[in-house]
Amino acid sequence: MVTKPIVESIGIDHNKVVDPYYDTKYYAAVKNLIDNVTPSTWQATIDENIDNLKIIFDNEFPVRNVAYGWKDPRNVYLLPFWRMLFPKARILTVERRINPNPTRMGTEGINFSKDTDNEDFRELFYSHYDDFRFQFEEFDNVHKVNDLLSFLNFENITQAELKAVLKDTKFQYSKIGAA
């Protein structure tokens, strides 16, 4: 709901970006468009859409001053826009190689599974400047998890605590290609 009007204002067809069966060359065209948007254009896009954005954000996030993130990776190509809109935001990317055991996969999952090795796709979705990047497959590595927790200003945990959390959350090791 938020992404479509923003990208349409700069000439991107979001439906094509998220369509796993559309020509993959479109990823390069979108990346080129994004890379050439000036800060003043992003600001004009914000100014033109701010009333609608406020309504959407007020409905989505009635509680203020809480951390927020989104799971849908199709929004990340708009990171330059989000950084201008939220200049104090800290950007964390959880990158996943490929899901060896997909279930109930929507179009974004099909898209990311199908094109994960496509250079233009990776350039569009993973070449952004984040503040911290975490590999999904390392959720069972206490040292890597503690790096993530430190970035989030949380206390570190022990191997036993991590094991208990993974058990309690029913972490699916098959999702990272482990038994």
N, C-alpha and C. Protein backbone atom coordinates (compact mmCIF):
# COMPACT_ATOMS: atom_id res chain seq x y z
N MET A 1 0.82 -1.19 0.00
CA MET A 1 0.00 0.00 0.00
C MET A 1 0.87 1.26 0.00
N VAL A 2 1.98 1.22 0.68
CA VAL A 2 2.86 2.38 0.75
C VAL A 2 3.78 2.44 -0.46
N THR A 3 4.31 1.30 -0.84
CA THR A 3 5.35 1.25 -1.87
C THR A 3 4.86 1.66 -3.26
N LYS A 4 3.72 1.15 -3.66
CA LYS A 4 3.25 1.39 -5.03
C LYS A 4 3.19 2.86 -5.44
N PRO A 5 2.52 3.73 -4.67
CA PRO A 5 2.47 5.13 -5.13
C PRO A 5 3.84 5.81 -5.15
N ILE A 6 4.71 5.39 -4.26
CA ILE A 6 6.05 5.99 -4.23
C ILE A 6 6.82 5.64 -5.49
N VAL A 7 6.87 4.35 -5.82
CA VAL A 7 7.64 3.94 -6.99
C VAL A 7 6.98 4.41 -8.29
N GLU A 8 5.66 4.44 -8.30
CA GLU A 8 4.98 4.93 -9.50
C GLU A 8 5.32 6.39 -9.76
N SER A 9 5.54 7.17 -8.69
CA SER A 9 5.86 8.59 -8.86
C SER A 9 7.23 8.79 -9.50
N ILE A 10 8.08 7.77 -9.47
CA ILE A 10 9.40 7.90 -10.11
C ILE A 10 9.53 6.99 -11.33
N GLY A 11 8.40 6.42 -11.78
CA GLY A 11 8.40 5.67 -13.04
C GLY A 11 8.68 4.18 -12.93
N ILE A 12 8.47 3.59 -11.77
CA ILE A 12 8.71 2.16 -11.59
C ILE A 12 7.36 1.46 -11.44
N ASP A 13 7.22 0.34 -12.11
CA ASP A 13 6.01 -0.48 -11.99
C ASP A 13 6.29 -1.56 -10.94
N HIS A 14 5.80 -1.33 -9.72
CA HIS A 14 6.05 -2.27 -8.61
C HIS A 14 5.55 -3.68 -8.94
N ASN A 15 4.44 -3.78 -9.67
CA ASN A 15 3.92 -5.10 -10.02
C ASN A 15 4.92 -5.90 -10.84
N LYS A 16 5.67 -5.23 -11.69
CA LYS A 16 6.69 -5.92 -12.49
C LYS A 16 7.88 -6.33 -11.62
N VAL A 17 8.23 -5.49 -10.65
CA VAL A 17 9.36 -5.80 -9.77
C VAL A 17 9.08 -7.06 -8.96
N VAL A 18 7.84 -7.23 -8.53
CA VAL A 18 7.52 -8.35 -7.64
C VAL A 18 6.95 -9.55 -8.38
N ASP A 19 6.81 -9.46 -9.69
CA ASP A 19 6.28 -10.58 -10.48
C ASP A 19 7.42 -11.54 -10.80
N PRO A 20 7.39 -12.75 -10.21
CA PRO A 20 8.50 -13.68 -10.42
C PRO A 20 8.63 -14.18 -11.86
N TYR A 21 7.64 -13.91 -12.69
CA TYR A 21 7.67 -14.39 -14.06
C TYR A 21 7.91 -13.28 -15.08
N TYR A 22 8.11 -12.05 -14.59
CA TYR A 22 8.38 -10.94 -15.49
C TYR A 22 9.85 -10.98 -15.90
N ASP A 23 10.18 -10.33 -16.97
CA ASP A 23 11.54 -10.29 -17.50
C ASP A 23 12.52 -9.80 -16.44
N THR A 24 13.52 -10.60 -16.11
CA THR A 24 14.47 -10.25 -15.05
C THR A 24 15.34 -9.04 -15.42
N LYS A 25 15.35 -8.64 -16.68
CA LYS A 25 16.11 -7.45 -17.06
C LYS A 25 15.50 -6.19 -16.42
N TYR A 26 14.26 -6.29 -15.99
CA TYR A 26 13.61 -5.14 -15.36
C TYR A 26 14.31 -4.76 -14.06
N TYR A 27 14.93 -5.72 -13.38
CA TYR A 27 15.66 -5.42 -12.14
C TYR A 27 16.77 -4.40 -12.40
N ALA A 28 17.50 -4.57 -13.50
CA ALA A 28 18.58 -3.63 -13.83
C ALA A 28 18.01 -2.25 -14.16
N ALA A 29 16.89 -2.22 -14.85
CA ALA A 29 16.27 -0.93 -15.20
C ALA A 29 15.81 -0.20 -13.93
N VAL A 30 15.23 -0.95 -12.99
CA VAL A 30 14.78 -0.35 -11.73
C VAL A 30 15.97 0.16 -10.93
N LYS A 31 17.02 -0.65 -10.85
CA LYS A 31 18.22 -0.24 -10.12
C LYS A 31 18.79 1.04 -10.72
N ASN A 32 18.82 1.12 -12.03
CA ASN A 32 19.32 2.31 -12.70
C ASN A 32 18.45 3.53 -12.37
N LEU A 33 17.14 3.35 -12.39
CA LEU A 33 16.24 4.45 -12.03
C LEU A 33 16.48 4.91 -10.59
N ILE A 34 16.53 3.97 -9.67
CA ILE A 34 16.74 4.29 -8.25
C ILE A 34 18.06 5.04 -8.05
N ASP A 35 19.11 4.53 -8.70
CA ASP A 35 20.44 5.13 -8.54
C ASP A 35 20.49 6.56 -9.07
N ASN A 36 19.59 6.91 -9.98
CA ASN A 36 19.61 8.23 -10.59
C ASN A 36 18.57 9.20 -10.03
N VAL A 37 17.86 8.75 -9.00
CA VAL A 37 16.91 9.66 -8.36
C VAL A 37 17.71 10.60 -7.44
N THR A 38 17.50 11.88 -7.60
CA THR A 38 18.23 12.87 -6.80
C THR A 38 17.55 13.02 -5.44
N PRO A 39 18.31 13.48 -4.45
CA PRO A 39 17.69 13.75 -3.15
C PRO A 39 16.50 14.71 -3.25
N SER A 40 16.59 15.69 -4.14
CA SER A 40 15.47 16.64 -4.28
C SER A 40 14.22 15.93 -4.83
N THR A 41 14.40 14.94 -5.69
CA THR A 41 13.26 14.18 -6.20
C THR A 41 12.65 13.34 -5.09
N TRP A 42 13.51 12.71 -4.27
CA TRP A 42 12.98 11.94 -3.13
C TRP A 42 12.20 12.87 -2.20
N GLN A 43 12.75 14.06 -1.95
CA GLN A 43 12.08 15.00 -1.06
C GLN A 43 10.74 15.44 -1.65
N ALA A 44 10.71 15.68 -2.95
CA ALA A 44 9.45 16.06 -3.60
C ALA A 44 8.44 14.92 -3.50
N THR A 45 8.90 13.69 -3.63
CA THR A 45 8.03 12.52 -3.49
C THR A 45 7.47 12.44 -2.08
N ILE A 46 8.31 12.71 -1.10
CA ILE A 46 7.85 12.74 0.30
C ILE A 46 6.81 13.84 0.48
N ASP A 47 7.14 15.05 0.00
CA ASP A 47 6.23 16.18 0.16
C ASP A 47 4.87 15.91 -0.50
N GLU A 48 4.89 15.28 -1.68
CA GLU A 48 3.66 15.01 -2.41
C GLU A 48 2.81 13.92 -1.74
N ASN A 49 3.47 13.03 -1.02
CA ASN A 49 2.77 11.87 -0.46
C ASN A 49 2.65 11.90 1.05
N ILE A 50 3.12 12.95 1.70
CA ILE A 50 3.22 12.95 3.16
C ILE A 50 1.87 12.80 3.86
N ASP A 51 0.83 13.42 3.34
CA ASP A 51 -0.48 13.30 3.98
C ASP A 51 -0.96 11.85 3.96
N ASN A 52 -0.84 11.20 2.80
CA ASN A 52 -1.24 9.79 2.70
C ASN A 52 -0.33 8.90 3.55
N LEU A 53 0.95 9.21 3.56
CA LEU A 53 1.89 8.42 4.37
C LEU A 53 1.55 8.52 5.85
N LYS A 54 1.21 9.73 6.30
CA LYS A 54 0.85 9.91 7.71
C LYS A 54 -0.38 9.09 8.08
N ILE A 55 -1.37 9.08 7.20
CA ILE A 55 -2.58 8.28 7.45
C ILE A 55 -2.23 6.79 7.53
N ILE A 56 -1.44 6.34 6.57
CA ILE A 56 -1.05 4.92 6.55
C ILE A 56 -0.25 4.57 7.80
N PHE A 57 0.74 5.40 8.13
CA PHE A 57 1.58 5.10 9.29
C PHE A 57 0.80 5.21 10.59
N ASP A 58 -0.11 6.16 10.69
CA ASP A 58 -0.93 6.27 11.90
C ASP A 58 -1.80 5.03 12.08
N ASN A 59 -2.34 4.51 10.98
CA ASN A 59 -3.16 3.29 11.06
C ASN A 59 -2.31 2.05 11.35
N GLU A 60 -1.17 1.96 10.70
CA GLU A 60 -0.30 0.80 10.87
C GLU A 60 0.40 0.78 12.22
N PHE A 61 0.80 1.94 12.70
CA PHE A 61 1.64 2.04 13.89
C PHE A 61 1.04 3.01 14.90
N PRO A 62 -0.03 2.63 15.57
CA PRO A 62 -0.66 3.54 16.52
C PRO A 62 0.23 3.84 17.74
N VAL A 63 1.18 2.96 18.02
CA VAL A 63 2.10 3.17 19.14
C VAL A 63 3.36 3.82 18.59
N ARG A 64 3.82 4.87 19.24
CA ARG A 64 5.00 5.60 18.78
C ARG A 64 6.25 5.15 19.53
N ASN A 65 7.38 5.49 18.96
CA ASN A 65 8.69 5.25 19.58
C ASN A 65 8.95 3.78 19.88
N VAL A 66 8.56 2.92 18.94
CA VAL A 66 8.87 1.50 19.05
C VAL A 66 9.61 1.08 17.79
N ALA A 67 10.41 0.06 17.93
CA ALA A 67 11.14 -0.45 16.77
C ALA A 67 10.16 -1.05 15.78
N TYR A 68 10.46 -0.90 14.52
CA TYR A 68 9.62 -1.47 13.48
C TYR A 68 10.51 -2.01 12.37
N GLY A 69 10.05 -3.04 11.76
CA GLY A 69 10.73 -3.58 10.59
C GLY A 69 9.71 -4.24 9.69
N TRP A 70 10.12 -4.60 8.52
CA TRP A 70 9.21 -5.33 7.65
C TRP A 70 9.91 -6.56 7.15
N LYS A 71 9.11 -7.57 6.91
CA LYS A 71 9.65 -8.84 6.43
C LYS A 71 9.70 -8.88 4.91
N ASP A 72 8.82 -8.14 4.27
CA ASP A 72 8.72 -8.20 2.82
C ASP A 72 9.94 -7.55 2.18
N PRO A 73 10.84 -8.35 1.61
CA PRO A 73 12.07 -7.79 1.04
C PRO A 73 11.85 -6.94 -0.19
N ARG A 74 10.63 -6.96 -0.71
CA ARG A 74 10.38 -6.19 -1.93
C ARG A 74 10.38 -4.70 -1.65
N ASN A 75 10.38 -4.29 -0.39
CA ASN A 75 10.40 -2.87 -0.06
C ASN A 75 11.81 -2.29 0.01
N VAL A 76 12.81 -3.15 0.09
CA VAL A 76 14.17 -2.69 0.38
C VAL A 76 14.77 -1.88 -0.76
N TYR A 77 14.31 -2.08 -1.97
CA TYR A 77 14.90 -1.30 -3.06
C TYR A 77 14.57 0.18 -2.94
N LEU A 78 13.62 0.52 -2.07
CA LEU A 78 13.29 1.92 -1.81
C LEU A 78 14.05 2.49 -0.61
N LEU A 79 15.11 1.83 -0.21
CA LEU A 79 15.86 2.26 0.96
C LEU A 79 16.30 3.73 0.89
N PRO A 80 16.71 4.26 -0.25
CA PRO A 80 17.06 5.69 -0.27
C PRO A 80 15.87 6.57 0.15
N PHE A 81 14.67 6.20 -0.26
CA PHE A 81 13.48 6.94 0.13
C PHE A 81 13.24 6.81 1.63
N TRP A 82 13.30 5.58 2.16
CA TRP A 82 13.05 5.36 3.59
C TRP A 82 14.08 6.10 4.44
N ARG A 83 15.32 6.14 3.99
CA ARG A 83 16.36 6.86 4.74
C ARG A 83 16.08 8.36 4.78
N MET A 84 15.55 8.91 3.71
CA MET A 84 15.20 10.34 3.72
C MET A 84 14.00 10.59 4.61
N LEU A 85 13.03 9.69 4.57
CA LEU A 85 11.82 9.86 5.37
C LEU A 85 12.11 9.66 6.85
N PHE A 86 12.99 8.72 7.15
CA PHE A 86 13.35 8.41 8.54
C PHE A 86 14.87 8.50 8.69
N PRO A 87 15.41 9.71 8.77
CA PRO A 87 16.88 9.88 8.76
C PRO A 87 17.59 9.26 9.97
N LYS A 88 16.89 9.03 11.06
CA LYS A 88 17.53 8.44 12.25
C LYS A 88 17.41 6.92 12.28
N ALA A 89 16.79 6.35 11.27
CA ALA A 89 16.59 4.90 11.24
C ALA A 89 17.92 4.16 11.16
N ARG A 90 17.94 3.04 11.79
CA ARG A 90 19.09 2.12 11.68
C ARG A 90 18.60 0.94 10.85
N ILE A 91 19.37 0.61 9.83
CA ILE A 91 18.94 -0.40 8.87
C ILE A 91 19.65 -1.72 9.13
N LEU A 92 18.85 -2.72 9.40
CA LEU A 92 19.33 -4.09 9.61
C LEU A 92 18.80 -4.94 8.47
N THR A 93 19.67 -5.65 7.81
CA THR A 93 19.26 -6.58 6.76
C THR A 93 19.53 -7.99 7.23
N VAL A 94 18.51 -8.82 7.17
CA VAL A 94 18.70 -10.25 7.40
C VAL A 94 18.65 -10.87 6.01
N GLU A 95 19.80 -11.33 5.58
CA GLU A 95 19.92 -11.90 4.24
C GLU A 95 19.88 -13.41 4.34
N ARG A 96 19.19 -14.00 3.41
CA ARG A 96 19.07 -15.45 3.39
C ARG A 96 19.58 -15.95 2.06
N ARG A 97 20.32 -17.02 2.11
CA ARG A 97 20.79 -17.59 0.86
C ARG A 97 19.57 -18.12 0.13
N ILE A 98 19.29 -19.37 0.21
CA ILE A 98 18.08 -19.89 -0.42
C ILE A 98 17.38 -20.79 0.58
N ASN A 99 16.10 -20.76 0.58
CA ASN A 99 15.31 -21.59 1.49
C ASN A 99 15.29 -23.01 0.94
N PRO A 100 15.99 -23.95 1.60
CA PRO A 100 16.03 -25.31 1.09
C PRO A 100 14.72 -26.07 1.30
N ASN A 101 13.83 -25.51 2.10
CA ASN A 101 12.59 -26.21 2.43
C ASN A 101 11.42 -25.23 2.47
N PRO A 102 11.07 -24.63 1.31
CA PRO A 102 10.02 -23.62 1.32
C PRO A 102 8.63 -24.21 1.59
N THR A 103 7.82 -23.44 2.30
CA THR A 103 6.43 -23.82 2.55
C THR A 103 5.56 -22.61 2.31
N ARG A 104 4.38 -22.81 1.80
CA ARG A 104 3.41 -21.74 1.57
C ARG A 104 4.06 -20.49 0.99
N MET A 105 4.79 -20.65 -0.06
CA MET A 105 5.55 -19.54 -0.62
C MET A 105 4.65 -18.63 -1.45
N GLY A 106 4.67 -17.34 -1.10
CA GLY A 106 3.95 -16.34 -1.88
C GLY A 106 4.80 -15.88 -3.05
N THR A 107 4.32 -14.86 -3.76
CA THR A 107 5.06 -14.40 -4.92
C THR A 107 6.45 -13.88 -4.56
N GLU A 108 6.58 -13.22 -3.38
CA GLU A 108 7.91 -12.73 -3.01
C GLU A 108 8.87 -13.88 -2.76
N GLY A 109 8.38 -14.96 -2.17
CA GLY A 109 9.23 -16.14 -1.95
C GLY A 109 9.62 -16.80 -3.25
N ILE A 110 8.66 -16.92 -4.16
CA ILE A 110 8.96 -17.48 -5.48
C ILE A 110 9.98 -16.59 -6.17
N ASN A 111 9.74 -15.28 -6.11
CA ASN A 111 10.63 -14.31 -6.72
C ASN A 111 12.05 -14.46 -6.17
N PHE A 112 12.18 -14.50 -4.86
CA PHE A 112 13.51 -14.56 -4.25
C PHE A 112 14.17 -15.92 -4.44
N SER A 113 13.40 -16.99 -4.49
CA SER A 113 13.97 -18.32 -4.73
C SER A 113 14.42 -18.47 -6.17
N LYS A 114 13.59 -18.00 -7.07
CA LYS A 114 13.85 -18.16 -8.50
C LYS A 114 15.04 -17.32 -8.96
N ASP A 115 15.14 -16.10 -8.46
CA ASP A 115 16.13 -15.16 -8.99
C ASP A 115 17.30 -14.89 -8.06
N THR A 116 17.45 -15.67 -7.03
CA THR A 116 18.48 -15.38 -6.02
C THR A 116 19.90 -15.32 -6.59
N ASP A 117 20.15 -16.03 -7.69
CA ASP A 117 21.48 -16.00 -8.29
C ASP A 117 21.59 -15.03 -9.46
N ASN A 118 20.51 -14.34 -9.78
CA ASN A 118 20.52 -13.38 -10.87
C ASN A 118 21.25 -12.12 -10.41
N GLU A 119 22.27 -11.72 -11.15
CA GLU A 119 23.10 -10.58 -10.75
C GLU A 119 22.30 -9.28 -10.65
N ASP A 120 21.41 -9.04 -11.61
CA ASP A 120 20.61 -7.81 -11.57
C ASP A 120 19.66 -7.82 -10.37
N PHE A 121 19.10 -8.97 -10.07
CA PHE A 121 18.21 -9.11 -8.91
C PHE A 121 18.97 -8.80 -7.63
N ARG A 122 20.14 -9.42 -7.46
CA ARG A 122 20.94 -9.22 -6.24
C ARG A 122 21.39 -7.77 -6.14
N GLU A 123 21.73 -7.17 -7.26
CA GLU A 123 22.17 -5.77 -7.26
C GLU A 123 21.04 -4.85 -6.79
N LEU A 124 19.81 -5.13 -7.22
CA LEU A 124 18.68 -4.31 -6.83
C LEU A 124 18.34 -4.48 -5.36
N PHE A 125 18.32 -5.71 -4.88
CA PHE A 125 17.82 -5.97 -3.53
C PHE A 125 18.90 -6.05 -2.45
N TYR A 126 20.16 -6.26 -2.82
CA TYR A 126 21.18 -6.45 -1.79
C TYR A 126 22.35 -5.49 -1.86
N SER A 127 22.33 -4.53 -2.76
CA SER A 127 23.47 -3.62 -2.87
C SER A 127 23.30 -2.36 -2.03
N HIS A 128 22.27 -2.32 -1.21
CA HIS A 128 21.99 -1.12 -0.43
C HIS A 128 22.97 -0.99 0.75
N TYR A 129 22.99 0.19 1.27
CA TYR A 129 23.85 0.47 2.41
C TYR A 129 23.05 0.33 3.69
N ASP A 130 23.27 -0.77 4.36
CA ASP A 130 22.61 -0.98 5.63
C ASP A 130 23.61 -0.72 6.75
N ASP A 131 23.12 -0.69 7.97
CA ASP A 131 23.99 -0.46 9.12
C ASP A 131 24.52 -1.78 9.70
N PHE A 132 23.80 -2.85 9.42
CA PHE A 132 24.22 -4.17 9.91
C PHE A 132 23.56 -5.22 9.04
N ARG A 133 24.32 -6.24 8.68
CA ARG A 133 23.78 -7.33 7.86
C ARG A 133 24.02 -8.65 8.59
N PHE A 134 22.96 -9.43 8.64
CA PHE A 134 23.00 -10.71 9.33
C PHE A 134 22.56 -11.80 8.38
N GLN A 135 23.27 -12.93 8.39
CA GLN A 135 22.89 -14.08 7.57
C GLN A 135 21.90 -14.92 8.34
N PHE A 136 20.73 -15.15 7.75
CA PHE A 136 19.68 -15.95 8.38
C PHE A 136 20.22 -17.32 8.82
N GLU A 137 21.09 -17.89 8.02
CA GLU A 137 21.63 -19.22 8.31
C GLU A 137 22.50 -19.24 9.56
N GLU A 138 22.79 -18.10 10.14
CA GLU A 138 23.64 -18.03 11.33
C GLU A 138 22.86 -17.82 12.62
N PHE A 139 21.54 -18.02 12.56
CA PHE A 139 20.74 -17.86 13.78
C PHE A 139 21.06 -18.91 14.84
N ASP A 140 21.81 -19.93 14.50
CA ASP A 140 22.20 -20.92 15.50
C ASP A 140 23.65 -20.75 15.95
N ASN A 141 24.29 -19.67 15.54
CA ASN A 141 25.67 -19.37 15.91
C ASN A 141 25.66 -18.27 16.98
N VAL A 142 25.98 -18.64 18.21
CA VAL A 142 25.85 -17.70 19.33
C VAL A 142 26.70 -16.45 19.14
N HIS A 143 27.87 -16.58 18.52
CA HIS A 143 28.74 -15.41 18.32
C HIS A 143 28.09 -14.43 17.33
N LYS A 144 27.54 -14.96 16.26
CA LYS A 144 26.87 -14.10 15.27
C LYS A 144 25.59 -13.50 15.85
N VAL A 145 24.85 -14.30 16.60
CA VAL A 145 23.62 -13.79 17.23
C VAL A 145 23.98 -12.69 18.22
N ASN A 146 25.06 -12.85 18.96
CA ASN A 146 25.48 -11.81 19.90
C ASN A 146 25.92 -10.54 19.18
N ASP A 147 26.53 -10.68 18.01
CA ASP A 147 26.84 -9.48 17.21
C ASP A 147 25.55 -8.75 16.86
N LEU A 148 24.54 -9.50 16.46
CA LEU A 148 23.24 -8.92 16.13
C LEU A 148 22.62 -8.26 17.37
N LEU A 149 22.64 -8.96 18.49
CA LEU A 149 22.07 -8.41 19.73
C LEU A 149 22.79 -7.13 20.15
N SER A 150 24.10 -7.10 19.99
CA SER A 150 24.87 -5.90 20.33
C SER A 150 24.46 -4.73 19.44
N PHE A 151 24.28 -4.99 18.14
CA PHE A 151 23.81 -3.94 17.23
C PHE A 151 22.46 -3.39 17.69
N LEU A 152 21.61 -4.26 18.20
CA LEU A 152 20.27 -3.87 18.65
C LEU A 152 20.26 -3.31 20.08
N ASN A 153 21.45 -3.20 20.66
CA ASN A 153 21.60 -2.73 22.04
C ASN A 153 20.91 -3.64 23.07
N PHE A 154 20.95 -4.95 22.79
CA PHE A 154 20.45 -5.95 23.73
C PHE A 154 21.63 -6.65 24.37
N GLU A 155 21.37 -7.28 25.50
CA GLU A 155 22.42 -8.04 26.18
C GLU A 155 22.75 -9.30 25.40
N ASN A 156 24.01 -9.70 25.48
CA ASN A 156 24.44 -10.94 24.85
C ASN A 156 23.90 -12.14 25.62
N ILE A 157 23.88 -13.28 24.96
CA ILE A 157 23.37 -14.51 25.57
C ILE A 157 24.42 -15.60 25.47
N THR A 158 24.23 -16.64 26.24
CA THR A 158 25.13 -17.79 26.21
C THR A 158 24.64 -18.79 25.18
N GLN A 159 25.48 -19.76 24.89
CA GLN A 159 25.10 -20.84 23.96
C GLN A 159 23.87 -21.58 24.50
N ALA A 160 23.84 -21.83 25.80
CA ALA A 160 22.69 -22.53 26.40
C ALA A 160 21.41 -21.70 26.26
N GLU A 161 21.52 -20.39 26.46
CA GLU A 161 20.35 -19.52 26.31
C GLU A 161 19.85 -19.50 24.86
N LEU A 162 20.79 -19.45 23.93
CA LEU A 162 20.41 -19.48 22.52
C LEU A 162 19.71 -20.79 22.19
N LYS A 163 20.27 -21.87 22.64
CA LYS A 163 19.66 -23.19 22.39
C LYS A 163 18.23 -23.23 22.95
N ALA A 164 18.03 -22.68 24.14
CA ALA A 164 16.71 -22.67 24.77
C ALA A 164 15.73 -21.80 23.96
N VAL A 165 16.21 -20.65 23.48
CA VAL A 165 15.36 -19.77 22.68
C VAL A 165 14.98 -20.46 21.37
N LEU A 166 15.94 -21.08 20.72
CA LEU A 166 15.65 -21.77 19.46
C LEU A 166 14.66 -22.91 19.66
N LYS A 167 14.79 -23.59 20.78
CA LYS A 167 13.85 -24.68 21.10
C LYS A 167 12.47 -24.10 21.40
N ASP A 168 12.43 -23.06 22.20
CA ASP A 168 11.17 -22.43 22.60
C ASP A 168 10.42 -21.85 21.39
N THR A 169 11.16 -21.30 20.44
CA THR A 169 10.53 -20.71 19.25
C THR A 169 10.32 -21.73 18.14
N LYS A 170 10.68 -22.97 18.43
CA LYS A 170 10.54 -24.06 17.45
C LYS A 170 11.26 -23.72 16.15
N PHE A 171 12.49 -23.22 16.31
CA PHE A 171 13.31 -22.86 15.16
C PHE A 171 13.44 -24.07 14.24
N GLN A 172 13.17 -23.86 12.98
CA GLN A 172 13.21 -24.95 12.01
C GLN A 172 14.58 -25.00 11.35
N TYR A 173 15.40 -25.91 11.80
CA TYR A 173 16.75 -26.03 11.25
C TYR A 173 16.73 -26.36 9.77
N SER A 174 15.66 -27.01 9.33
CA SER A 174 15.55 -27.32 7.91
C SER A 174 15.51 -26.04 7.07
N LYS A 175 15.10 -24.92 7.66
CA LYS A 175 15.02 -23.65 6.94
C LYS A 175 16.42 -23.07 6.65
N ILE A 176 17.44 -23.60 7.31
CA ILE A 176 18.80 -23.14 7.05
C ILE A 176 19.65 -24.27 6.47
N GLY A 177 18.98 -25.36 6.09
CA GLY A 177 19.69 -26.46 5.44
C GLY A 177 20.41 -27.34 6.44
N ALA A 178 20.01 -27.30 7.70
CA ALA A 178 20.63 -28.12 8.73
C ALA A 178 19.58 -29.11 9.26
N ALA A 179 20.08 -30.21 9.80
CA ALA A 179 19.18 -31.25 10.31
C ALA A 179 18.55 -30.84 11.62
